Amino acid sequence: MRVIAKRTLRGFWEKHADSEQQLKAWYNEAEQATWKSPNDIKKDYPTASILEDNRTVFNIRGNNYRLIVRINYKYGIVWIRLIGTHAEYNKVDATKI
């Protein structure tokens, strides 16, 4: 998969150093993945939440942080929509962001 944009993750882990290793691991795993459907994601990440409009929420660092992505399965592209704390996540509509 092509993940857009790593700089969003980097900016987050520079503020929240405890998330760096898991975000780097997620990024590397996502780049190596060949997700064709939400079922493929659930195989790799059973705790991920599948939302409408091809959005997925990943729990980062024991669910301390939330990563929302939108995926175009046909073209193999993952767009990072939000990485944030639970408080930040609770302020947005994950299905619209």
N, C-alpha and C. Protein backbone atom coordinates (compact mmCIF):
# COMPACT_ATOMS: atom_id res chain seq x y z
N MET A 1 0.85 -1.17 0.00
CA MET A 1 0.00 0.00 0.00
C MET A 1 0.90 1.24 0.00
N ARG A 2 0.40 2.29 -0.57
CA ARG A 2 1.10 3.57 -0.52
C ARG A 2 0.44 4.42 0.57
N VAL A 3 1.22 4.81 1.55
CA VAL A 3 0.69 5.56 2.69
C VAL A 3 1.02 7.03 2.50
N ILE A 4 -0.02 7.85 2.57
CA ILE A 4 0.13 9.30 2.43
C ILE A 4 -0.41 9.95 3.71
N ALA A 5 0.30 10.63 4.47
CA ALA A 5 1.66 11.09 4.37
C ALA A 5 2.37 10.77 5.69
N LYS A 6 3.56 10.25 5.58
CA LYS A 6 4.34 9.87 6.76
C LYS A 6 4.64 11.09 7.64
N ARG A 7 4.77 12.26 7.04
CA ARG A 7 5.10 13.45 7.83
C ARG A 7 4.05 13.74 8.89
N THR A 8 2.79 13.36 8.64
CA THR A 8 1.74 13.53 9.65
C THR A 8 2.07 12.68 10.87
N LEU A 9 2.48 11.44 10.63
CA LEU A 9 2.86 10.56 11.74
C LEU A 9 4.09 11.11 12.45
N ARG A 10 5.07 11.53 11.68
CA ARG A 10 6.31 12.06 12.26
C ARG A 10 6.03 13.26 13.15
N GLY A 11 5.20 14.16 12.68
CA GLY A 11 4.85 15.33 13.48
C GLY A 11 4.18 14.94 14.79
N PHE A 12 3.38 13.89 14.74
CA PHE A 12 2.70 13.44 15.95
C PHE A 12 3.68 12.81 16.93
N TRP A 13 4.57 11.91 16.44
CA TRP A 13 5.48 11.26 17.38
C TRP A 13 6.54 12.22 17.91
N GLU A 14 6.77 13.32 17.23
CA GLU A 14 7.67 14.32 17.79
C GLU A 14 7.06 15.00 19.01
N LYS A 15 5.74 15.06 19.06
CA LYS A 15 5.03 15.62 20.22
C LYS A 15 4.72 14.56 21.26
N HIS A 16 4.53 13.32 20.81
CA HIS A 16 4.16 12.20 21.67
C HIS A 16 5.17 11.07 21.43
N ALA A 17 6.34 11.21 22.05
CA ALA A 17 7.45 10.29 21.79
C ALA A 17 7.10 8.83 22.08
N ASP A 18 6.18 8.59 23.00
CA ASP A 18 5.82 7.21 23.33
C ASP A 18 5.08 6.51 22.19
N SER A 19 4.66 7.24 21.17
CA SER A 19 3.95 6.62 20.04
C SER A 19 4.88 6.30 18.87
N GLU A 20 6.12 6.77 18.93
CA GLU A 20 7.01 6.68 17.76
C GLU A 20 7.21 5.26 17.26
N GLN A 21 7.59 4.35 18.11
CA GLN A 21 7.90 3.00 17.65
C GLN A 21 6.68 2.30 17.07
N GLN A 22 5.53 2.46 17.70
CA GLN A 22 4.35 1.78 17.17
C GLN A 22 3.87 2.42 15.86
N LEU A 23 3.98 3.74 15.75
CA LEU A 23 3.60 4.38 14.49
C LEU A 23 4.55 3.98 13.36
N LYS A 24 5.83 3.90 13.65
CA LYS A 24 6.78 3.43 12.63
C LYS A 24 6.47 2.00 12.22
N ALA A 25 6.16 1.16 13.19
CA ALA A 25 5.82 -0.24 12.89
C ALA A 25 4.55 -0.30 12.04
N TRP A 26 3.52 0.46 12.43
CA TRP A 26 2.28 0.47 11.65
C TRP A 26 2.56 0.93 10.21
N TYR A 27 3.32 2.00 10.06
CA TYR A 27 3.64 2.53 8.73
C TYR A 27 4.33 1.47 7.88
N ASN A 28 5.34 0.82 8.43
CA ASN A 28 6.06 -0.22 7.68
C ASN A 28 5.16 -1.38 7.32
N GLU A 29 4.31 -1.80 8.25
CA GLU A 29 3.39 -2.91 7.97
C GLU A 29 2.37 -2.52 6.90
N ALA A 30 1.87 -1.29 6.99
CA ALA A 30 0.89 -0.84 6.00
C ALA A 30 1.51 -0.75 4.61
N GLU A 31 2.74 -0.28 4.53
CA GLU A 31 3.41 -0.18 3.23
C GLU A 31 3.64 -1.56 2.60
N GLN A 32 3.86 -2.56 3.42
CA GLN A 32 4.08 -3.92 2.92
C GLN A 32 2.78 -4.67 2.64
N ALA A 33 1.68 -4.15 3.16
CA ALA A 33 0.39 -4.85 3.05
C ALA A 33 -0.18 -4.77 1.63
N THR A 34 -1.06 -5.71 1.36
CA THR A 34 -1.81 -5.70 0.10
C THR A 34 -3.30 -5.84 0.43
N TRP A 35 -3.79 -4.91 1.22
CA TRP A 35 -5.19 -4.96 1.64
C TRP A 35 -6.10 -4.75 0.44
N LYS A 36 -7.01 -5.67 0.25
CA LYS A 36 -7.99 -5.60 -0.83
C LYS A 36 -9.40 -5.32 -0.32
N SER A 37 -9.57 -5.45 1.00
CA SER A 37 -10.88 -5.23 1.60
C SER A 37 -10.71 -5.03 3.11
N PRO A 38 -11.74 -4.55 3.78
CA PRO A 38 -11.66 -4.41 5.23
C PRO A 38 -11.36 -5.73 5.94
N ASN A 39 -11.78 -6.83 5.37
CA ASN A 39 -11.50 -8.14 5.98
C ASN A 39 -10.00 -8.40 6.07
N ASP A 40 -9.25 -7.95 5.08
CA ASP A 40 -7.79 -8.11 5.12
C ASP A 40 -7.19 -7.33 6.28
N ILE A 41 -7.72 -6.14 6.54
CA ILE A 41 -7.23 -5.34 7.66
C ILE A 41 -7.54 -6.04 8.97
N LYS A 42 -8.75 -6.56 9.10
CA LYS A 42 -9.15 -7.22 10.35
C LYS A 42 -8.29 -8.45 10.63
N LYS A 43 -7.78 -9.10 9.60
CA LYS A 43 -6.88 -10.24 9.81
C LYS A 43 -5.59 -9.77 10.47
N ASP A 44 -5.07 -8.63 10.02
CA ASP A 44 -3.82 -8.09 10.56
C ASP A 44 -4.03 -7.32 11.86
N TYR A 45 -5.17 -6.64 11.97
CA TYR A 45 -5.46 -5.77 13.11
C TYR A 45 -6.88 -6.05 13.61
N PRO A 46 -7.05 -7.10 14.41
CA PRO A 46 -8.39 -7.46 14.86
C PRO A 46 -9.12 -6.38 15.66
N THR A 47 -8.37 -5.47 16.30
CA THR A 47 -9.02 -4.42 17.09
C THR A 47 -9.34 -3.16 16.28
N ALA A 48 -8.96 -3.14 15.02
CA ALA A 48 -9.27 -1.98 14.18
C ALA A 48 -10.78 -1.87 14.00
N SER A 49 -11.25 -0.64 13.92
CA SER A 49 -12.68 -0.40 13.69
C SER A 49 -12.88 -0.01 12.23
N ILE A 50 -13.74 -0.74 11.55
CA ILE A 50 -14.04 -0.47 10.16
C ILE A 50 -15.26 0.45 10.11
N LEU A 51 -15.10 1.60 9.46
CA LEU A 51 -16.18 2.57 9.36
C LEU A 51 -16.65 2.69 7.91
N GLU A 52 -17.71 3.46 7.71
CA GLU A 52 -18.21 3.67 6.35
C GLU A 52 -17.23 4.52 5.55
N ASP A 53 -17.44 4.55 4.26
CA ASP A 53 -16.64 5.32 3.32
C ASP A 53 -15.16 4.92 3.36
N ASN A 54 -14.90 3.63 3.52
CA ASN A 54 -13.55 3.06 3.49
C ASN A 54 -12.60 3.65 4.52
N ARG A 55 -13.14 4.00 5.66
CA ARG A 55 -12.31 4.52 6.75
C ARG A 55 -12.09 3.41 7.78
N THR A 56 -10.91 3.47 8.39
CA THR A 56 -10.55 2.51 9.43
C THR A 56 -9.88 3.27 10.56
N VAL A 57 -10.19 2.85 11.78
CA VAL A 57 -9.56 3.44 12.96
C VAL A 57 -8.67 2.38 13.59
N PHE A 58 -7.39 2.71 13.72
CA PHE A 58 -6.42 1.82 14.36
C PHE A 58 -6.13 2.33 15.76
N ASN A 59 -6.02 1.40 16.69
CA ASN A 59 -5.63 1.73 18.06
C ASN A 59 -4.11 1.70 18.13
N ILE A 60 -3.54 2.78 18.61
CA ILE A 60 -2.08 2.90 18.67
C ILE A 60 -1.65 2.96 20.13
N ARG A 61 -0.62 2.22 20.42
CA ARG A 61 -0.02 2.16 21.75
C ARG A 61 -1.04 1.84 22.82
N GLY A 62 -1.58 0.64 22.70
CA GLY A 62 -2.53 0.18 23.71
C GLY A 62 -3.78 1.02 23.78
N ASN A 63 -4.19 1.56 22.64
CA ASN A 63 -5.40 2.37 22.54
C ASN A 63 -5.25 3.74 23.19
N ASN A 64 -4.02 4.19 23.43
CA ASN A 64 -3.80 5.54 23.95
C ASN A 64 -4.03 6.58 22.87
N TYR A 65 -3.80 6.19 21.62
CA TYR A 65 -3.95 7.10 20.49
C TYR A 65 -4.80 6.43 19.43
N ARG A 66 -5.38 7.25 18.57
CA ARG A 66 -6.22 6.74 17.49
C ARG A 66 -5.71 7.26 16.16
N LEU A 67 -5.65 6.37 15.18
CA LEU A 67 -5.21 6.68 13.83
C LEU A 67 -6.38 6.40 12.89
N ILE A 68 -6.86 7.45 12.22
CA ILE A 68 -7.95 7.28 11.24
C ILE A 68 -7.34 7.38 9.85
N VAL A 69 -7.65 6.40 9.02
CA VAL A 69 -7.19 6.41 7.64
C VAL A 69 -8.37 6.18 6.70
N ARG A 70 -8.21 6.62 5.48
CA ARG A 70 -9.17 6.32 4.42
C ARG A 70 -8.41 5.54 3.36
N ILE A 71 -9.01 4.47 2.88
CA ILE A 71 -8.29 3.56 1.99
C ILE A 71 -8.99 3.44 0.64
N ASN A 72 -8.21 3.53 -0.41
CA ASN A 72 -8.68 3.21 -1.74
C ASN A 72 -8.09 1.84 -2.05
N TYR A 73 -8.90 0.81 -1.89
CA TYR A 73 -8.41 -0.56 -2.06
C TYR A 73 -8.00 -0.84 -3.50
N LYS A 74 -8.74 -0.31 -4.45
CA LYS A 74 -8.46 -0.57 -5.87
C LYS A 74 -7.06 -0.10 -6.25
N TYR A 75 -6.67 1.08 -5.77
CA TYR A 75 -5.37 1.66 -6.14
C TYR A 75 -4.30 1.47 -5.07
N GLY A 76 -4.66 0.87 -3.95
CA GLY A 76 -3.67 0.58 -2.92
C GLY A 76 -3.13 1.82 -2.22
N ILE A 77 -4.01 2.77 -1.92
CA ILE A 77 -3.58 4.01 -1.29
C ILE A 77 -4.25 4.15 0.08
N VAL A 78 -3.44 4.53 1.07
CA VAL A 78 -3.93 4.78 2.43
C VAL A 78 -3.65 6.24 2.74
N TRP A 79 -4.70 7.01 3.00
CA TRP A 79 -4.54 8.41 3.37
C TRP A 79 -4.73 8.55 4.88
N ILE A 80 -3.76 9.13 5.53
CA ILE A 80 -3.87 9.38 6.96
C ILE A 80 -4.77 10.60 7.13
N ARG A 81 -5.86 10.42 7.84
CA ARG A 81 -6.82 11.50 8.04
C ARG A 81 -6.63 12.19 9.39
N LEU A 82 -6.25 11.40 10.42
CA LEU A 82 -6.05 11.96 11.75
C LEU A 82 -5.24 10.98 12.58
N ILE A 83 -4.29 11.51 13.33
CA ILE A 83 -3.65 10.76 14.40
C ILE A 83 -3.79 11.65 15.61
N GLY A 84 -4.35 11.11 16.69
CA GLY A 84 -4.58 11.96 17.84
C GLY A 84 -4.82 11.18 19.11
N THR A 85 -4.93 11.93 20.17
CA THR A 85 -5.29 11.36 21.47
C THR A 85 -6.78 11.03 21.44
N HIS A 86 -7.24 10.35 22.47
CA HIS A 86 -8.68 10.06 22.55
C HIS A 86 -9.48 11.35 22.60
N ALA A 87 -9.00 12.34 23.33
CA ALA A 87 -9.73 13.61 23.42
C ALA A 87 -9.85 14.26 22.04
N GLU A 88 -8.78 14.23 21.25
CA GLU A 88 -8.81 14.79 19.90
C GLU A 88 -9.73 13.97 19.00
N TYR A 89 -9.66 12.65 19.13
CA TYR A 89 -10.50 11.75 18.34
C TYR A 89 -11.97 11.99 18.65
N ASN A 90 -12.29 12.20 19.91
CA ASN A 90 -13.68 12.40 20.32
C ASN A 90 -14.28 13.69 19.78
N LYS A 91 -13.46 14.62 19.34
CA LYS A 91 -13.95 15.91 18.82
C LYS A 91 -14.29 15.87 17.34
N VAL A 92 -13.98 14.78 16.66
CA VAL A 92 -14.20 14.71 15.22
C VAL A 92 -15.20 13.60 14.89
N ASP A 93 -15.77 13.69 13.71
CA ASP A 93 -16.60 12.62 13.18
C ASP A 93 -15.71 11.78 12.28
N ALA A 94 -15.32 10.63 12.75
CA ALA A 94 -14.36 9.78 12.03
C ALA A 94 -14.88 9.36 10.65
N THR A 95 -16.18 9.38 10.46
CA THR A 95 -16.72 8.99 9.16
C THR A 95 -16.69 10.12 8.15
N LYS A 96 -16.39 11.32 8.60
CA LYS A 96 -16.39 12.47 7.70
C LYS A 96 -15.03 13.10 7.51
N ILE A 97 -14.11 12.90 8.44
CA ILE A 97 -12.81 13.57 8.39
C ILE A 97 -11.97 13.09 7.22
